[in-house]
N, C-alpha and C. Protein backbone atom coordinates (compact mmCIF):
# COMPACT_ATOMS: atom_id res chain seq x y z
N UNK A 1 20.50 7.93 8.35
CA UNK A 1 19.11 7.72 8.00
C UNK A 1 18.78 6.29 7.82
N UNK A 2 17.58 5.89 8.05
CA UNK A 2 17.13 4.51 7.97
C UNK A 2 16.34 4.34 6.72
N UNK A 3 16.55 3.21 5.99
CA UNK A 3 15.71 2.86 4.83
C UNK A 3 14.39 2.36 5.35
N UNK A 4 13.32 2.96 4.91
CA UNK A 4 12.01 2.54 5.40
C UNK A 4 11.12 1.81 4.42
N UNK A 5 11.36 2.06 3.17
CA UNK A 5 10.40 1.48 2.14
C UNK A 5 11.05 1.54 0.78
N UNK A 6 10.56 0.59 -0.11
CA UNK A 6 10.92 0.51 -1.51
C UNK A 6 9.62 0.69 -2.29
N UNK A 7 9.65 1.46 -3.32
CA UNK A 7 8.44 1.59 -4.20
C UNK A 7 8.93 1.49 -5.63
N UNK A 8 7.99 1.14 -6.51
CA UNK A 8 8.30 1.07 -7.95
C UNK A 8 7.29 1.93 -8.70
N UNK A 9 7.83 2.84 -9.44
CA UNK A 9 6.99 3.72 -10.25
C UNK A 9 6.41 2.97 -11.44
N UNK A 10 5.08 2.93 -11.49
CA UNK A 10 4.37 2.15 -12.56
C UNK A 10 3.45 3.09 -13.43
N UNK A 11 2.99 2.64 -14.50
CA UNK A 11 2.23 3.46 -15.40
C UNK A 11 1.06 4.18 -14.76
N UNK A 12 0.38 3.50 -13.76
CA UNK A 12 -0.75 4.06 -13.12
C UNK A 12 -0.34 5.27 -12.25
N UNK A 13 0.97 5.41 -11.97
CA UNK A 13 1.46 6.50 -11.15
C UNK A 13 1.88 7.78 -11.84
N UNK A 14 1.81 7.77 -13.15
CA UNK A 14 2.36 8.86 -14.00
C UNK A 14 1.31 9.94 -14.19
N UNK A 15 1.85 11.15 -14.16
CA UNK A 15 0.98 12.34 -14.46
C UNK A 15 1.07 12.73 -15.91
N UNK A 16 0.45 13.88 -16.26
CA UNK A 16 0.37 14.31 -17.72
C UNK A 16 1.72 14.57 -18.29
N UNK A 17 2.77 14.87 -17.51
CA UNK A 17 4.08 15.19 -18.06
C UNK A 17 5.03 14.00 -18.18
N UNK A 18 4.50 12.80 -17.93
CA UNK A 18 5.30 11.57 -18.06
C UNK A 18 6.21 11.23 -16.85
N UNK A 19 5.95 11.96 -15.79
CA UNK A 19 6.71 11.73 -14.55
C UNK A 19 5.77 11.20 -13.46
N UNK A 20 6.36 10.63 -12.39
CA UNK A 20 5.56 10.28 -11.23
C UNK A 20 4.75 11.50 -10.72
N UNK A 21 3.49 11.35 -10.58
CA UNK A 21 2.63 12.39 -10.10
C UNK A 21 3.00 12.76 -8.69
N UNK A 22 3.13 14.08 -8.39
CA UNK A 22 3.61 14.55 -7.10
C UNK A 22 2.71 14.06 -5.98
N UNK A 23 1.37 13.98 -6.17
CA UNK A 23 0.45 13.52 -5.15
C UNK A 23 0.71 12.08 -4.81
N UNK A 24 1.10 11.22 -5.80
CA UNK A 24 1.47 9.86 -5.46
C UNK A 24 2.71 9.82 -4.61
N UNK A 25 3.73 10.59 -4.94
CA UNK A 25 4.95 10.67 -4.12
C UNK A 25 4.62 11.10 -2.72
N UNK A 26 3.74 12.14 -2.52
CA UNK A 26 3.41 12.56 -1.18
C UNK A 26 2.69 11.45 -0.42
N UNK A 27 1.81 10.71 -1.09
CA UNK A 27 1.12 9.62 -0.50
C UNK A 27 2.11 8.54 -0.03
N UNK A 28 3.07 8.21 -0.88
CA UNK A 28 4.09 7.21 -0.49
C UNK A 28 4.83 7.70 0.78
N UNK A 29 5.30 8.93 0.74
CA UNK A 29 6.04 9.50 1.91
C UNK A 29 5.26 9.51 3.16
N UNK A 30 3.99 9.92 3.03
CA UNK A 30 3.18 10.08 4.23
C UNK A 30 2.87 8.66 4.81
N UNK A 31 2.49 7.73 3.95
CA UNK A 31 2.24 6.34 4.39
C UNK A 31 3.43 5.77 5.13
N UNK A 32 4.58 5.94 4.47
CA UNK A 32 5.84 5.39 4.98
C UNK A 32 6.19 6.05 6.36
N UNK A 33 6.15 7.33 6.36
CA UNK A 33 6.54 8.08 7.59
C UNK A 33 5.56 7.82 8.77
N UNK A 34 4.24 7.79 8.43
CA UNK A 34 3.23 7.54 9.44
C UNK A 34 3.34 6.11 10.01
N UNK A 35 3.56 5.16 9.14
CA UNK A 35 3.70 3.79 9.63
C UNK A 35 4.90 3.70 10.54
N UNK A 36 6.03 4.36 10.10
CA UNK A 36 7.23 4.32 10.98
C UNK A 36 7.03 5.01 12.29
N UNK A 37 6.31 6.15 12.27
CA UNK A 37 6.02 6.89 13.54
C UNK A 37 5.20 6.04 14.47
N UNK A 38 4.16 5.28 13.92
CA UNK A 38 3.45 4.36 14.72
C UNK A 38 4.26 3.23 15.35
N UNK A 39 5.16 2.72 14.51
CA UNK A 39 6.07 1.66 14.94
C UNK A 39 6.98 2.16 16.07
N UNK A 40 7.59 3.35 15.87
CA UNK A 40 8.49 3.86 16.85
C UNK A 40 7.80 4.15 18.15
N UNK A 41 6.57 4.67 18.05
CA UNK A 41 5.83 5.02 19.29
C UNK A 41 5.07 3.86 19.82
N UNK A 42 5.13 2.71 19.11
CA UNK A 42 4.37 1.51 19.51
C UNK A 42 2.90 1.78 19.81
N UNK A 43 2.33 2.58 18.85
CA UNK A 43 0.96 2.95 18.99
C UNK A 43 0.38 3.32 17.58
N UNK A 44 -0.78 2.77 17.25
CA UNK A 44 -1.33 3.03 15.94
C UNK A 44 -2.02 4.33 15.81
N UNK A 45 -2.13 5.14 16.86
CA UNK A 45 -2.89 6.37 16.84
C UNK A 45 -2.00 7.59 16.60
N UNK A 46 -1.19 7.57 15.60
CA UNK A 46 -0.38 8.73 15.23
C UNK A 46 -0.99 9.25 13.88
N UNK A 47 -1.22 10.59 13.94
CA UNK A 47 -1.85 11.19 12.66
C UNK A 47 -0.91 12.29 12.13
N UNK A 48 -0.98 12.47 10.81
CA UNK A 48 -0.24 13.56 10.23
C UNK A 48 -0.94 14.89 10.52
N UNK A 49 -0.14 15.82 11.11
CA UNK A 49 -0.76 17.18 11.35
C UNK A 49 -0.04 18.21 10.49
N UNK A 50 1.11 17.93 9.95
CA UNK A 50 1.77 18.89 9.13
C UNK A 50 2.77 18.28 8.16
N UNK A 51 2.73 18.80 6.97
CA UNK A 51 3.79 18.41 5.98
C UNK A 51 4.46 19.72 5.65
N UNK A 52 5.72 19.80 5.89
CA UNK A 52 6.48 21.02 5.70
C UNK A 52 6.71 21.22 4.15
N UNK A 53 7.48 22.23 3.84
CA UNK A 53 7.75 22.45 2.45
C UNK A 53 8.35 21.20 1.83
N UNK A 54 7.82 20.80 0.62
CA UNK A 54 8.26 19.62 -0.04
C UNK A 54 9.09 20.01 -1.28
N UNK A 55 10.22 19.44 -1.43
CA UNK A 55 11.07 19.75 -2.55
C UNK A 55 11.07 18.59 -3.49
N UNK A 56 10.57 18.79 -4.72
CA UNK A 56 10.64 17.82 -5.79
C UNK A 56 11.82 18.21 -6.64
N UNK A 57 12.90 17.43 -6.49
CA UNK A 57 14.17 17.84 -7.12
C UNK A 57 14.44 17.21 -8.49
N UNK A 58 14.00 16.02 -8.69
CA UNK A 58 14.22 15.31 -9.94
C UNK A 58 12.94 14.51 -10.32
N UNK A 59 12.73 14.28 -11.62
CA UNK A 59 11.59 13.51 -11.99
C UNK A 59 11.86 12.00 -11.77
N UNK A 60 10.71 11.29 -11.54
CA UNK A 60 10.77 9.86 -11.47
C UNK A 60 10.03 9.26 -12.60
N UNK A 61 10.53 8.33 -13.35
CA UNK A 61 9.99 7.74 -14.54
C UNK A 61 9.44 6.39 -14.24
N UNK A 62 8.62 5.87 -15.21
CA UNK A 62 8.13 4.52 -15.16
C UNK A 62 9.33 3.53 -15.02
N UNK A 63 9.22 2.58 -14.09
CA UNK A 63 10.25 1.60 -13.90
C UNK A 63 11.31 1.95 -12.91
N UNK A 64 11.33 3.24 -12.44
CA UNK A 64 12.29 3.60 -11.46
C UNK A 64 11.94 3.08 -10.05
N UNK A 65 12.90 2.58 -9.35
CA UNK A 65 12.71 2.15 -8.00
C UNK A 65 12.95 3.39 -7.18
N UNK A 66 12.08 3.67 -6.13
CA UNK A 66 12.28 4.76 -5.21
C UNK A 66 12.50 4.18 -3.84
N UNK A 67 13.62 4.54 -3.22
CA UNK A 67 13.94 4.12 -1.86
C UNK A 67 13.62 5.31 -0.94
N UNK A 68 12.84 5.02 0.13
CA UNK A 68 12.45 6.09 1.07
C UNK A 68 13.14 5.90 2.36
N UNK A 69 13.82 6.97 2.80
CA UNK A 69 14.57 7.01 4.03
C UNK A 69 13.94 7.97 4.97
N UNK A 70 14.17 7.73 6.32
CA UNK A 70 13.67 8.59 7.32
C UNK A 70 14.66 8.80 8.47
N UNK A 71 14.38 9.91 9.14
CA UNK A 71 15.18 10.24 10.35
C UNK A 71 14.35 11.01 11.30
N UNK A 72 14.30 10.58 12.56
CA UNK A 72 13.57 11.32 13.59
C UNK A 72 14.35 12.55 13.92
N UNK A 73 13.67 13.69 13.85
CA UNK A 73 14.34 14.98 14.11
C UNK A 73 14.07 15.43 15.54
N UNK A 74 12.88 15.15 16.09
CA UNK A 74 12.56 15.49 17.47
C UNK A 74 11.36 14.73 17.89
N UNK A 75 11.17 14.62 19.21
CA UNK A 75 10.01 14.08 19.79
C UNK A 75 9.62 15.03 20.94
N UNK A 76 8.36 15.51 20.91
CA UNK A 76 7.82 16.38 21.90
C UNK A 76 6.96 15.62 22.79
N UNK A 77 6.08 16.34 23.51
CA UNK A 77 5.16 15.63 24.46
C UNK A 77 4.24 14.65 23.80
N UNK A 78 3.58 15.21 22.70
CA UNK A 78 2.59 14.40 21.91
C UNK A 78 2.94 14.29 20.48
N UNK A 79 4.02 14.91 20.04
CA UNK A 79 4.35 14.94 18.59
C UNK A 79 5.72 14.36 18.32
N UNK A 80 5.87 13.89 17.03
CA UNK A 80 7.13 13.40 16.51
C UNK A 80 7.39 14.02 15.17
N UNK A 81 8.56 14.58 14.95
CA UNK A 81 8.99 15.18 13.70
C UNK A 81 9.91 14.28 12.97
N UNK A 82 9.56 13.98 11.71
CA UNK A 82 10.37 13.02 10.93
C UNK A 82 10.70 13.62 9.56
N UNK A 83 12.01 13.63 9.25
CA UNK A 83 12.50 14.01 7.91
C UNK A 83 12.45 12.79 7.07
N UNK A 84 11.91 12.92 5.82
CA UNK A 84 11.92 11.83 4.89
C UNK A 84 12.51 12.26 3.57
N UNK A 85 13.13 11.31 2.91
CA UNK A 85 13.88 11.58 1.70
C UNK A 85 13.59 10.38 0.72
N UNK A 86 13.14 10.69 -0.47
CA UNK A 86 13.00 9.69 -1.53
C UNK A 86 14.16 9.78 -2.48
N UNK A 87 14.67 8.60 -2.79
CA UNK A 87 15.82 8.57 -3.76
C UNK A 87 15.53 7.58 -4.84
N UNK A 88 15.85 7.99 -6.06
CA UNK A 88 15.71 7.03 -7.19
C UNK A 88 16.87 6.11 -7.11
N UNK A 89 16.71 4.90 -7.48
CA UNK A 89 17.72 3.88 -7.37
C UNK A 89 18.06 3.34 -8.77
N UNK A 90 19.34 3.34 -9.18
CA UNK A 90 19.75 2.85 -10.43
C UNK A 90 20.15 1.33 -10.21
N UNK A 91 19.36 0.46 -10.80
CA UNK A 91 19.62 -0.98 -10.67
C UNK A 91 21.00 -1.41 -11.18
N UNK A 92 21.49 -0.73 -12.18
CA UNK A 92 22.74 -1.13 -12.83
C UNK A 92 23.99 -0.67 -12.10
N UNK A 93 23.88 0.54 -11.50
CA UNK A 93 25.09 1.10 -10.83
C UNK A 93 25.02 1.04 -9.31
N UNK A 94 23.78 0.83 -8.80
CA UNK A 94 23.54 0.88 -7.37
C UNK A 94 23.57 2.23 -6.68
N UNK A 95 23.65 3.23 -7.62
CA UNK A 95 23.63 4.69 -7.08
C UNK A 95 22.20 5.21 -6.87
N UNK A 96 22.13 6.10 -5.88
CA UNK A 96 20.86 6.72 -5.56
C UNK A 96 20.98 8.17 -5.79
N UNK A 97 19.83 8.81 -6.10
CA UNK A 97 19.81 10.30 -6.31
C UNK A 97 18.54 10.76 -5.62
N UNK A 98 18.69 11.83 -4.80
CA UNK A 98 17.53 12.43 -4.13
C UNK A 98 16.57 12.98 -5.16
N UNK A 99 15.25 12.58 -5.05
CA UNK A 99 14.26 13.10 -5.95
C UNK A 99 13.19 13.97 -5.19
N UNK A 100 13.10 13.75 -3.88
CA UNK A 100 12.06 14.48 -3.10
C UNK A 100 12.40 14.40 -1.61
N UNK A 101 12.11 15.47 -0.88
CA UNK A 101 12.29 15.49 0.56
C UNK A 101 11.32 16.35 1.27
N UNK A 102 10.97 16.09 2.49
CA UNK A 102 10.13 16.96 3.30
C UNK A 102 10.20 16.49 4.72
N UNK A 103 9.48 17.23 5.59
CA UNK A 103 9.36 16.94 7.00
C UNK A 103 7.93 16.76 7.34
N UNK A 104 7.62 15.74 8.11
CA UNK A 104 6.30 15.45 8.61
C UNK A 104 6.22 15.59 10.09
N UNK A 105 5.15 16.14 10.61
CA UNK A 105 4.87 16.11 12.03
C UNK A 105 3.68 15.28 12.38
N UNK A 106 3.80 14.35 13.22
CA UNK A 106 2.73 13.44 13.66
C UNK A 106 2.40 13.66 15.04
N UNK A 107 1.13 13.51 15.41
CA UNK A 107 0.64 13.70 16.83
C UNK A 107 -0.03 12.41 17.22
N UNK A 108 0.22 12.01 18.46
CA UNK A 108 -0.48 10.84 19.05
C UNK A 108 -1.85 11.35 19.49
N UNK A 109 -2.96 10.60 19.18
CA UNK A 109 -4.31 11.05 19.49
C UNK A 109 -5.06 9.91 20.31
N UNK A 110 -6.06 10.38 21.03
CA UNK A 110 -6.96 9.45 21.70
C UNK A 110 -8.07 9.08 20.74
N UNK A 111 -9.06 8.30 21.25
CA UNK A 111 -10.24 7.93 20.46
C UNK A 111 -11.13 9.04 20.05
N UNK A 112 -10.93 10.27 20.62
CA UNK A 112 -11.76 11.41 20.31
C UNK A 112 -10.99 12.36 19.36
N UNK A 113 -9.74 12.00 19.09
CA UNK A 113 -8.93 12.88 18.19
C UNK A 113 -8.14 13.91 18.92
N UNK A 114 -8.14 13.84 20.20
CA UNK A 114 -7.38 14.80 21.00
C UNK A 114 -5.93 14.37 21.21
N UNK A 115 -5.02 15.35 21.22
CA UNK A 115 -3.60 14.98 21.42
C UNK A 115 -3.35 14.48 22.77
N UNK A 116 -2.54 13.38 22.89
CA UNK A 116 -2.23 12.78 24.17
C UNK A 116 -0.72 12.52 24.16
N UNK A 117 -0.09 12.44 25.35
CA UNK A 117 1.34 12.18 25.36
C UNK A 117 1.82 10.93 24.76
N UNK A 118 2.95 11.03 24.08
CA UNK A 118 3.69 9.84 23.63
C UNK A 118 4.31 9.21 24.85
N UNK A 119 4.37 7.89 24.96
CA UNK A 119 4.88 7.20 26.09
C UNK A 119 6.25 7.78 26.48
N UNK A 120 6.50 7.89 27.83
CA UNK A 120 7.66 8.54 28.33
C UNK A 120 8.96 7.82 27.92
N UNK A 121 8.93 6.45 27.74
CA UNK A 121 10.11 5.73 27.39
C UNK A 121 10.55 6.09 25.99
N UNK A 122 9.54 6.33 25.08
CA UNK A 122 9.85 6.73 23.66
C UNK A 122 10.43 8.14 23.72
N UNK A 123 9.81 9.02 24.52
CA UNK A 123 10.41 10.39 24.57
C UNK A 123 11.84 10.42 25.11
N UNK A 124 12.05 9.53 26.10
CA UNK A 124 13.44 9.47 26.68
C UNK A 124 14.46 8.95 25.65
N UNK A 125 13.94 7.98 24.80
CA UNK A 125 14.87 7.43 23.82
C UNK A 125 15.39 8.47 22.83
N UNK A 126 14.54 9.48 22.56
CA UNK A 126 14.97 10.55 21.62
C UNK A 126 15.26 11.87 22.36
N UNK A 127 15.46 11.84 23.66
CA UNK A 127 15.67 13.04 24.42
C UNK A 127 16.96 13.82 23.92
N UNK A 128 17.88 13.13 23.34
CA UNK A 128 19.10 13.78 22.87
C UNK A 128 18.88 14.69 21.70
N UNK A 129 17.73 14.53 21.02
CA UNK A 129 17.39 15.43 19.88
C UNK A 129 16.80 16.68 20.36
N UNK A 130 16.83 17.73 19.50
CA UNK A 130 16.23 18.97 19.91
C UNK A 130 14.71 18.81 19.95
N UNK A 131 14.07 19.49 20.85
CA UNK A 131 12.62 19.39 21.00
C UNK A 131 11.90 20.21 19.93
N UNK A 132 10.67 19.74 19.51
CA UNK A 132 9.87 20.53 18.56
C UNK A 132 8.91 21.42 19.26
């Protein structure tokens, strides 16, 4: 997997139980994965069409660094499926622990919001992966 982003949990990100609010985590993951999908497809017109089951495995507290990793799972005609994983990072030990993971599906769209093909060279680059 490739490291895509670093985030820091701050007071403004905390929910009523003293942990990182789940909606903030989903926002971080979506922004990171969408930006990466656009970069990989060399096109800014990739939109989130599906977020799979999301597993919140451990709480994130104020001051925790969260490292976000991603892996392309498949590329179809107009879609890209990306697995993302957020890991808390311990500054003192250098160890990471998975705190959240999910799968996003992005679709390339035209100016009217209709699905259009991802460039063939991008699809060929990921042809070795199973199709979605």
